Amino acid sequence: MRILYDIFFMLFGLFYLPCLVLKGKAHGRFLERFGAFGRSMDGLDAPVWIHAVSVGEANVAARIAKGIRKRSPGVPIVVSTTTTTGQDMMEKAGKGVVDRVFYYPLDISFIVSRVISKINPRLYVVIETELWPNLMTALKRKGVPIAVVNGRISDRSFRNYLKVKPFISGMLGCIDVFSVQTKDDASRIVRMGAATERVTVTGNVKFDQGISEGLPLPVRPEDIGMRQDDLIIVAGSTHFNEESQLIDVYKRLSGRIPGLKLIIAPRHVERVEAVKVYIEEAGLRHMAYSGLRGKGAPGGGKTGTYDVMVVDSIGHLKDMYALATIVFVGGSLVKKGGQNIIEPASYGKPVVFGPNMYNFKEAVRMFLSREGAIQVADADELEQVLERLIKDDGMRRNISRKAVDVIRENSGAVDRTVSLLDRFLG
């Protein structure tokens, strides 16, 4: 089985490299995926290796790294990611805490063995549930402890894992610590084959990001061609067939409410051009964030020149949340399972989302039970709710206050998680 798995990945690797070149994604460090680090790992004495797939996991990884650094200041920390956006986010979020950031190796036996020998980790930490059999097996063989932190198992992933339970349970047997978000996640991990005594519910690390409400704005309205009194709807991490619905809703609302603006940040930045087409077809004016930001940008002082701004670069959604009057969380009007609602709520913004939030069920339950967010059934109800919120400042403040209370009451996951790792850090 292992030989067949290696053959599959080696064939994948043969196609992977030419595809990167053809797509213009062959960045200068892509050979790290094949275990070629040069001397970049030299000088690190048995670091903690944290793996974070992309942007969301990178933010969690940065918080865990800071928690480890606080408790064990002399322990080196390296972080791997799979995507370039994850690399960019980790370089920023981990600055001053993480010693090295690199690309995750392909899961081929000789590659992962080489990487483990080069890094010589004292502990391997994977954010959420990114499990690779060859790496897990090689780490176990070397006696390196493995921890899953901020673990969660979505409905879809759980169904798929159960179909291959004999295979998955073998990997789970390699893992020493499971630090998971909820009791449901703990139950699912155990049903998949994890040992009950190794599973602990520590909460969601994303609640530990702190409260950003009232802090100075990283971007001012006038910096991006808006007025101080504009009412701004920010639609974050949107997906296909969601933007067109949002644009239609905005167009109707803007006809009734003066000074209303829309900011759309697609989940996948390569979809920016398609979003611009939707805006043009609706007869609205648009501007890309990259054309507005920075000193001397065309937006500076030129207010009212567009209706919808499209965020076309990674790492700026938080800035937009800080500007928002109301936030809509994407992936929820369409069947994508939703996105993180904690981040916009931490800015003291009223958060609205659609019916499809099944990847964040526990967080949704917490906010809705305290009236700290609003869930709508479809685009028509979204329009009604947005109009009420826009016109009722007291309603907005009340929802935001309750959401901030939820975040404060559920913080502390980082400390609980890192305490489970203490015995491996000495």
Protein backbone atom coordinates (compact mmCIF):
# COMPACT_ATOMS: atom_id res chain seq x y z
CA MET A 1 0.00 0.00 0.00
CA ARG A 2 2.79 2.42 0.97
CA ILE A 3 4.67 1.66 -2.28
CA LEU A 4 1.55 2.35 -4.36
CA TYR A 5 0.99 5.58 -2.43
CA ASP A 6 4.59 6.68 -3.13
CA ILE A 7 4.28 5.84 -6.81
CA PHE A 8 1.11 7.93 -7.02
CA PHE A 9 2.80 10.92 -5.41
CA MET A 10 5.94 10.60 -7.53
CA LEU A 11 3.78 10.64 -10.66
CA PHE A 12 1.95 13.62 -9.22
CA GLY A 13 5.29 15.35 -8.64
CA LEU A 14 6.31 14.80 -12.26
CA PHE A 15 3.18 16.63 -13.42
CA TYR A 16 3.25 19.17 -10.59
CA LEU A 17 6.50 20.86 -11.57
CA PRO A 18 5.61 21.50 -15.27
CA CYS A 19 2.14 22.73 -14.26
CA LEU A 20 3.68 25.26 -11.89
CA VAL A 21 5.92 26.53 -14.66
CA LEU A 22 3.12 26.75 -17.23
CA LYS A 23 0.83 28.57 -14.80
CA GLY A 24 3.55 30.99 -13.80
CA LYS A 25 3.48 29.73 -10.20
CA ALA A 26 7.01 28.32 -10.11
CA HIS A 27 8.15 30.71 -7.37
CA GLY A 28 11.73 30.74 -6.25
CA ARG A 29 11.16 28.38 -3.34
CA PHE A 30 8.95 25.69 -4.89
CA LEU A 31 11.81 23.17 -4.62
CA GLU A 32 11.20 23.19 -0.86
CA ARG A 33 8.22 20.96 -1.63
CA PHE A 34 10.76 18.37 -2.77
CA GLY A 35 12.84 18.77 0.40
CA ALA A 36 15.48 21.10 -1.04
CA PHE A 37 16.11 23.68 1.72
CA GLY A 38 19.74 24.46 1.08
CA ARG A 39 21.16 25.83 4.33
CA SER A 40 17.97 27.63 5.42
CA MET A 41 17.40 25.26 8.37
CA ASP A 42 20.98 25.44 9.64
CA GLY A 43 21.49 26.76 13.15
CA LEU A 44 18.16 25.58 14.56
CA ASP A 45 18.39 23.18 17.49
CA ALA A 46 15.42 20.76 17.51
CA PRO A 47 12.65 23.25 16.66
CA VAL A 48 8.92 22.86 17.04
CA TRP A 49 7.53 22.31 13.53
CA ILE A 50 4.04 23.74 13.01
CA HIS A 51 2.11 23.05 9.81
CA ALA A 52 -0.61 25.42 8.58
CA VAL A 53 -2.18 24.84 5.16
CA SER A 54 -3.21 28.35 4.15
CA VAL A 55 -4.32 31.75 5.44
CA GLY A 56 -6.83 30.73 8.12
CA GLU A 57 -4.55 28.09 9.59
CA ALA A 58 -1.58 30.46 9.41
CA ASN A 59 -3.34 32.91 11.71
CA VAL A 60 -3.96 30.11 14.20
CA ALA A 61 -0.36 28.92 13.84
CA ALA A 62 0.90 32.41 14.66
CA ARG A 63 -1.11 32.45 17.90
CA ILE A 64 0.11 28.98 18.89
CA ALA A 65 3.70 30.00 18.08
CA LYS A 66 3.37 33.07 20.30
CA GLY A 67 1.96 30.89 23.09
CA ILE A 68 4.89 28.48 22.80
CA ARG A 69 7.40 31.34 22.68
CA LYS A 70 5.88 32.86 25.83
CA ARG A 71 6.15 29.59 27.81
CA SER A 72 9.40 28.31 26.26
CA PRO A 73 11.34 31.35 24.95
CA GLY A 74 14.43 29.33 24.00
CA VAL A 75 12.68 26.83 21.75
CA PRO A 76 13.06 27.50 17.99
CA ILE A 77 9.87 27.42 15.88
CA VAL A 78 9.49 26.70 12.17
CA VAL A 79 6.23 26.82 10.22
CA SER A 80 5.31 25.16 6.93
CA THR A 81 2.40 26.09 4.69
CA THR A 82 1.08 24.67 1.44
CA THR A 83 0.00 27.84 -0.36
CA THR A 84 1.78 31.05 -1.31
CA THR A 85 -0.98 33.05 0.40
CA GLY A 86 -0.33 31.04 3.55
CA GLN A 87 3.38 31.83 3.25
CA ASP A 88 2.69 35.54 2.90
CA MET A 89 0.34 35.56 5.89
CA MET A 90 2.75 33.54 8.03
CA GLU A 91 5.67 35.82 7.20
CA LYS A 92 3.60 38.75 8.51
CA ALA A 93 1.76 37.14 11.42
CA GLY A 94 4.79 35.22 12.70
CA LYS A 95 7.31 38.02 12.42
CA GLY A 96 9.57 38.13 15.47
CA VAL A 97 8.27 34.79 16.74
CA VAL A 98 8.79 32.19 14.01
CA ASP A 99 12.39 31.40 13.05
CA ARG A 100 11.73 29.94 9.57
CA VAL A 101 8.77 29.68 7.19
CA PHE A 102 8.90 27.11 4.40
CA TYR A 103 6.79 25.09 1.98
CA TYR A 104 5.39 21.74 3.10
CA PRO A 105 7.04 18.72 1.44
CA LEU A 106 5.24 16.33 -0.87
CA ASP A 107 4.22 13.22 1.06
CA ILE A 108 6.70 10.84 -0.60
CA SER A 109 8.69 8.57 1.73
CA PHE A 110 12.24 9.58 0.78
CA ILE A 111 11.30 13.29 0.66
CA VAL A 112 9.65 13.41 4.10
CA SER A 113 12.48 11.35 5.63
CA ARG A 114 14.99 13.84 4.26
CA VAL A 115 12.98 16.81 5.57
CA ILE A 116 12.60 15.30 9.04
CA SER A 117 16.35 14.62 9.20
CA LYS A 118 17.11 18.17 8.07
CA ILE A 119 14.71 19.86 10.54
CA ASN A 120 15.13 17.36 13.41
CA PRO A 121 11.95 18.57 15.15
CA ARG A 122 11.30 18.00 18.85
CA LEU A 123 7.54 18.25 18.17
CA TYR A 124 5.32 18.33 15.09
CA VAL A 125 2.11 20.37 15.40
CA VAL A 126 -0.56 20.32 12.71
CA ILE A 127 -3.27 23.00 12.68
CA GLU A 128 -6.82 21.64 12.42
CA THR A 129 -6.75 18.28 10.59
CA GLU A 130 -4.17 18.02 7.81
CA LEU A 131 -3.01 14.39 7.97
CA TRP A 132 -0.41 12.88 5.62
CA PRO A 133 0.39 9.17 6.13
CA ASN A 134 4.05 9.03 5.09
CA LEU A 135 5.01 12.05 7.15
CA MET A 136 3.09 10.77 10.20
CA THR A 137 4.69 7.35 9.92
CA ALA A 138 8.19 8.75 9.47
CA LEU A 139 7.80 11.09 12.45
CA LYS A 140 6.57 8.24 14.62
CA ARG A 141 9.47 6.04 13.52
CA LYS A 142 11.90 8.83 14.53
CA GLY A 143 10.19 9.17 17.92
CA VAL A 144 8.92 12.71 17.21
CA PRO A 145 5.69 13.46 19.12
CA ILE A 146 2.75 14.68 17.02
CA ALA A 147 -0.06 17.03 18.08
CA VAL A 148 -3.23 18.10 16.28
CA VAL A 149 -4.33 21.52 17.57
CA ASN A 150 -7.52 23.51 17.04
CA GLY A 151 -8.80 20.27 15.51
CA ARG A 152 -12.17 20.17 13.83
CA ILE A 153 -13.97 17.64 11.68
CA SER A 154 -16.62 19.00 9.32
CA ASP A 155 -19.74 16.97 8.43
CA ARG A 156 -18.41 16.20 4.98
CA SER A 157 -14.90 15.28 6.17
CA PHE A 158 -16.34 13.00 8.86
CA ARG A 159 -18.42 11.07 6.34
CA ASN A 160 -15.40 10.69 4.06
CA TYR A 161 -13.06 9.64 6.88
CA LEU A 162 -15.45 6.93 8.05
CA LYS A 163 -15.36 5.39 4.57
CA VAL A 164 -11.62 4.78 4.99
CA LYS A 165 -11.59 4.27 8.77
CA PRO A 166 -9.00 1.42 8.77
CA PHE A 167 -6.56 3.68 6.91
CA ILE A 168 -7.33 6.79 8.98
CA SER A 169 -7.22 5.01 12.35
CA GLY A 170 -3.65 3.92 11.61
CA MET A 171 -2.59 7.54 11.14
CA LEU A 172 -4.50 8.68 14.22
CA GLY A 173 -2.62 6.07 16.23
CA CYS A 174 0.59 7.99 15.50
CA ILE A 175 -0.74 11.15 17.14
CA ASP A 176 0.05 11.86 20.80
CA VAL A 177 -2.25 14.84 21.45
CA PHE A 178 -5.56 15.95 19.95
CA SER A 179 -6.53 19.44 21.05
CA VAL A 180 -9.97 19.98 19.49
CA GLN A 181 -12.48 22.80 19.31
CA THR A 182 -15.74 21.18 20.47
CA LYS A 183 -17.24 18.08 22.08
CA ASP A 184 -18.61 17.07 18.66
CA ASP A 185 -15.10 17.21 17.20
CA ALA A 186 -13.81 15.08 20.08
CA SER A 187 -16.55 12.49 19.57
CA ARG A 188 -15.87 12.30 15.85
CA ILE A 189 -12.10 11.94 16.27
CA VAL A 190 -12.65 9.04 18.68
CA ARG A 191 -15.11 7.37 16.31
CA MET A 192 -12.49 7.67 13.58
CA GLY A 193 -10.04 5.71 15.71
CA ALA A 194 -8.23 8.11 18.07
CA ALA A 195 -7.58 6.99 21.64
CA THR A 196 -10.05 8.72 23.98
CA GLU A 197 -7.39 9.55 26.58
CA ARG A 198 -5.42 11.54 23.97
CA VAL A 199 -8.34 13.83 23.04
CA THR A 200 -9.00 17.10 24.91
CA VAL A 201 -11.53 19.85 24.15
CA THR A 202 -9.65 23.16 24.42
CA GLY A 203 -11.91 25.50 22.42
CA ASN A 204 -11.37 27.49 19.27
CA VAL A 205 -8.05 29.36 19.07
CA LYS A 206 -9.70 31.92 16.79
CA PHE A 207 -11.53 33.31 19.83
CA ASP A 208 -8.10 34.34 21.18
CA GLN A 209 -7.48 36.99 18.57
CA GLY A 210 -8.56 39.68 21.03
CA ILE A 211 -11.00 42.55 20.62
CA SER A 212 -10.09 45.09 17.96
CA GLU A 213 -13.11 47.31 18.58
CA GLY A 214 -12.15 50.94 19.12
CA LEU A 215 -8.58 50.62 17.88
CA PRO A 216 -7.29 53.17 15.33
CA LEU A 217 -8.38 52.32 11.79
CA PRO A 218 -5.57 50.75 9.73
CA VAL A 219 -7.20 52.28 6.63
CA ARG A 220 -9.35 55.41 6.74
CA PRO A 221 -12.37 55.90 4.48
CA GLU A 222 -10.71 58.84 2.75
CA ASP A 223 -7.68 56.65 1.94
CA ILE A 224 -9.84 54.59 -0.38
CA GLY A 225 -12.02 57.30 -1.85
CA MET A 226 -14.89 57.11 0.62
CA ARG A 227 -16.42 59.67 2.95
CA GLN A 228 -16.35 59.49 6.74
CA ASP A 229 -20.14 59.25 6.85
CA ASP A 230 -20.49 56.56 4.16
CA LEU A 231 -22.29 53.40 5.22
CA ILE A 232 -20.15 50.43 4.24
CA ILE A 233 -21.23 46.83 3.73
CA VAL A 234 -18.22 44.51 3.66
CA ALA A 235 -18.79 41.09 2.10
CA GLY A 236 -15.84 38.92 3.12
CA SER A 237 -14.60 35.65 1.59
CA THR A 238 -17.35 35.41 -1.02
CA HIS A 239 -17.78 32.59 -3.53
CA PHE A 240 -19.12 32.05 -7.04
CA ASN A 241 -22.82 32.85 -7.46
CA GLU A 242 -22.77 34.75 -4.18
CA GLU A 243 -21.28 38.00 -5.44
CA SER A 244 -23.97 38.42 -8.11
CA GLN A 245 -26.68 38.08 -5.43
CA LEU A 246 -24.90 40.57 -3.18
CA ILE A 247 -24.48 43.07 -5.99
CA ASP A 248 -28.19 42.87 -6.84
CA VAL A 249 -29.08 43.40 -3.17
CA TYR A 250 -26.70 46.33 -2.94
CA LYS A 251 -28.03 47.95 -6.11
CA ARG A 252 -31.59 47.92 -4.75
CA LEU A 253 -30.54 49.18 -1.33
CA SER A 254 -28.32 51.95 -2.70
CA GLY A 255 -31.31 53.26 -4.65
CA ARG A 256 -33.11 53.81 -1.33
CA ILE A 257 -30.20 54.67 0.99
CA PRO A 258 -27.78 57.51 0.10
CA GLY A 259 -24.10 57.10 0.90
CA LEU A 260 -24.15 53.29 0.81
CA LYS A 261 -20.99 51.52 -0.36
CA LEU A 262 -20.11 47.87 -0.92
CA ILE A 263 -16.72 46.20 -0.49
CA ILE A 264 -16.36 42.66 -1.83
CA ALA A 265 -13.40 40.44 -0.93
CA PRO A 266 -13.60 37.18 -2.92
CA ARG A 267 -12.37 34.08 -1.10
CA HIS A 268 -10.15 33.30 -4.09
CA VAL A 269 -8.39 36.38 -5.40
CA GLU A 270 -8.17 34.97 -8.93
CA ARG A 271 -11.95 35.52 -9.21
CA VAL A 272 -11.61 39.31 -8.99
CA GLU A 273 -12.10 39.85 -12.74
CA ALA A 274 -15.30 37.79 -12.74
CA VAL A 275 -16.63 39.91 -9.84
CA LYS A 276 -15.87 43.09 -11.79
CA VAL A 277 -17.94 41.73 -14.69
CA TYR A 278 -20.92 41.20 -12.35
CA ILE A 279 -20.61 44.79 -11.14
CA GLU A 280 -20.46 46.19 -14.67
CA GLU A 281 -23.46 44.12 -15.76
CA ALA A 282 -25.41 45.68 -12.88
CA GLY A 283 -24.56 49.14 -14.21
CA LEU A 284 -22.38 50.00 -11.22
CA ARG A 285 -18.91 51.48 -10.98
CA HIS A 286 -16.05 49.54 -9.40
CA MET A 287 -12.51 50.06 -8.23
CA ALA A 288 -9.82 47.58 -7.19
CA TYR A 289 -8.28 48.01 -3.75
CA SER A 290 -4.77 47.82 -5.26
CA GLY A 291 -5.56 50.98 -7.23
CA LEU A 292 -6.63 52.89 -4.13
CA ARG A 293 -4.31 52.11 -1.27
CA GLY A 294 -1.10 53.82 -0.36
CA LYS A 295 0.23 57.33 -0.44
CA GLY A 296 -0.76 59.19 -3.55
CA ALA A 297 -3.18 56.46 -4.65
CA PRO A 298 -5.97 57.60 -6.96
CA GLY A 299 -8.57 57.15 -4.23
CA GLY A 300 -6.98 59.69 -1.94
CA GLY A 301 -9.29 62.69 -1.84
CA LYS A 302 -11.37 61.50 -4.82
CA THR A 303 -14.61 60.52 -3.12
CA GLY A 304 -17.71 59.18 -4.80
CA THR A 305 -15.94 57.86 -7.90
CA TYR A 306 -17.16 54.26 -7.52
CA ASP A 307 -19.93 52.18 -5.95
CA VAL A 308 -18.22 48.86 -5.24
CA MET A 309 -14.64 48.21 -4.24
CA VAL A 310 -13.14 44.79 -4.97
CA VAL A 311 -10.33 43.60 -2.70
CA ASP A 312 -7.81 42.11 -5.13
CA SER A 313 -4.95 41.25 -2.78
CA ILE A 314 -4.37 38.95 0.17
CA GLY A 315 -4.15 40.09 3.79
CA HIS A 316 -6.38 43.18 3.68
CA LEU A 317 -9.76 41.76 4.67
CA LYS A 318 -9.17 42.64 8.33
CA ASP A 319 -8.62 46.27 7.34
CA MET A 320 -11.94 46.22 5.53
CA TYR A 321 -13.71 44.71 8.55
CA ALA A 322 -12.39 47.59 10.64
CA LEU A 323 -13.99 50.05 8.17
CA ALA A 324 -17.33 48.25 7.91
CA THR A 325 -20.71 49.40 9.10
CA ILE A 326 -22.04 45.85 8.61
CA VAL A 327 -20.25 42.63 7.64
CA PHE A 328 -21.64 39.80 5.53
CA VAL A 329 -19.71 36.53 5.87
CA GLY A 330 -19.35 34.72 2.54
CA GLY A 331 -19.65 31.07 1.61
CA SER A 332 -23.02 31.06 3.34
CA LEU A 333 -25.57 32.05 0.68
CA VAL A 334 -24.14 29.21 -1.40
CA LYS A 335 -23.30 25.71 -0.18
CA LYS A 336 -19.69 26.28 0.81
CA GLY A 337 -20.09 25.92 4.57
CA GLY A 338 -19.40 29.54 5.49
CA GLN A 339 -16.30 31.30 6.79
CA ASN A 340 -14.92 32.62 10.07
CA ILE A 341 -17.41 34.90 11.86
CA ILE A 342 -15.20 35.56 14.89
CA GLU A 343 -12.81 37.94 13.13
CA PRO A 344 -15.36 40.53 11.95
CA ALA A 345 -17.23 40.31 15.26
CA SER A 346 -13.98 41.13 17.10
CA TYR A 347 -14.03 44.54 15.39
CA GLY A 348 -17.35 45.33 17.00
CA LYS A 349 -19.28 44.94 13.75
CA PRO A 350 -22.74 43.39 13.37
CA VAL A 351 -22.28 40.16 11.41
CA VAL A 352 -24.82 38.66 9.00
CA PHE A 353 -24.56 35.33 7.20
CA GLY A 354 -26.65 32.97 5.11
CA PRO A 355 -28.08 29.49 5.82
CA ASN A 356 -25.00 27.44 4.86
CA MET A 357 -22.67 27.74 7.86
CA TYR A 358 -22.21 24.02 8.49
CA ASN A 359 -18.41 24.25 8.75
CA PHE A 360 -18.74 26.60 11.73
CA LYS A 361 -21.76 25.17 13.53
CA GLU A 362 -20.51 25.63 17.08
CA ALA A 363 -19.41 29.24 16.58
CA VAL A 364 -22.74 30.00 14.88
CA ARG A 365 -24.62 28.42 17.78
CA MET A 366 -22.68 30.54 20.29
CA PHE A 367 -23.33 33.83 18.51
CA LEU A 368 -26.97 33.18 17.62
CA SER A 369 -27.86 31.96 21.11
CA ARG A 370 -26.64 35.30 22.49
CA GLU A 371 -28.15 37.37 19.64
CA GLY A 372 -24.63 38.38 18.64
CA ALA A 373 -25.18 37.77 14.91
CA ILE A 374 -28.02 37.37 12.39
CA GLN A 375 -28.62 34.45 10.06
CA VAL A 376 -30.77 34.88 6.95
CA ALA A 377 -32.42 32.28 4.74
CA ASP A 378 -31.71 33.84 1.34
CA ALA A 379 -30.82 37.01 -0.56
CA ASP A 380 -34.30 38.51 -0.13
CA GLU A 381 -34.12 38.23 3.65
CA LEU A 382 -30.54 39.52 3.54
CA GLU A 383 -31.79 42.68 1.84
CA GLN A 384 -34.43 43.21 4.52
CA VAL A 385 -32.00 42.63 7.39
CA LEU A 386 -29.32 44.89 5.90
CA GLU A 387 -31.84 47.69 5.47
CA ARG A 388 -32.98 47.39 9.10
CA LEU A 389 -29.41 47.40 10.36
CA ILE A 390 -28.39 50.35 8.19
CA LYS A 391 -31.30 52.42 9.48
CA ASP A 392 -31.04 51.38 13.14
CA ASP A 393 -27.74 52.33 14.76
CA GLY A 394 -28.96 51.09 18.16
CA MET A 395 -29.67 47.64 16.72
CA ARG A 396 -26.16 47.51 15.25
CA ARG A 397 -24.54 48.48 18.56
CA ASN A 398 -26.60 45.94 20.50
CA ILE A 399 -25.63 43.02 18.23
CA SER A 400 -21.98 44.07 18.22
CA ARG A 401 -21.83 44.34 22.02
CA LYS A 402 -23.27 40.85 22.46
CA ALA A 403 -20.85 39.42 19.90
CA VAL A 404 -17.87 40.94 21.72
CA ASP A 405 -19.14 39.36 24.95
CA VAL A 406 -19.19 35.94 23.24
CA ILE A 407 -15.58 36.35 22.13
CA ARG A 408 -14.38 37.42 25.59
CA GLU A 409 -16.18 34.54 27.30
CA ASN A 410 -14.69 31.92 24.96
CA SER A 411 -11.07 33.08 24.86
CA GLY A 412 -8.21 31.13 26.45
CA ALA A 413 -7.85 28.28 23.94
CA VAL A 414 -4.20 29.13 23.20
CA ASP A 415 -3.14 28.73 26.84
CA ARG A 416 -5.14 25.51 27.22
CA THR A 417 -3.62 24.13 24.02
CA VAL A 418 -0.02 25.07 24.76
CA SER A 419 -0.30 23.57 28.25
CA LEU A 420 -0.97 20.21 26.59
CA LEU A 421 2.26 20.61 24.60
CA ASP A 422 4.43 21.60 27.58
CA ARG A 423 5.76 18.11 28.21
CA PHE A 424 7.27 18.03 24.70
CA LEU A 425 8.96 21.43 24.86
CA GLY A 426 11.62 20.84 27.48
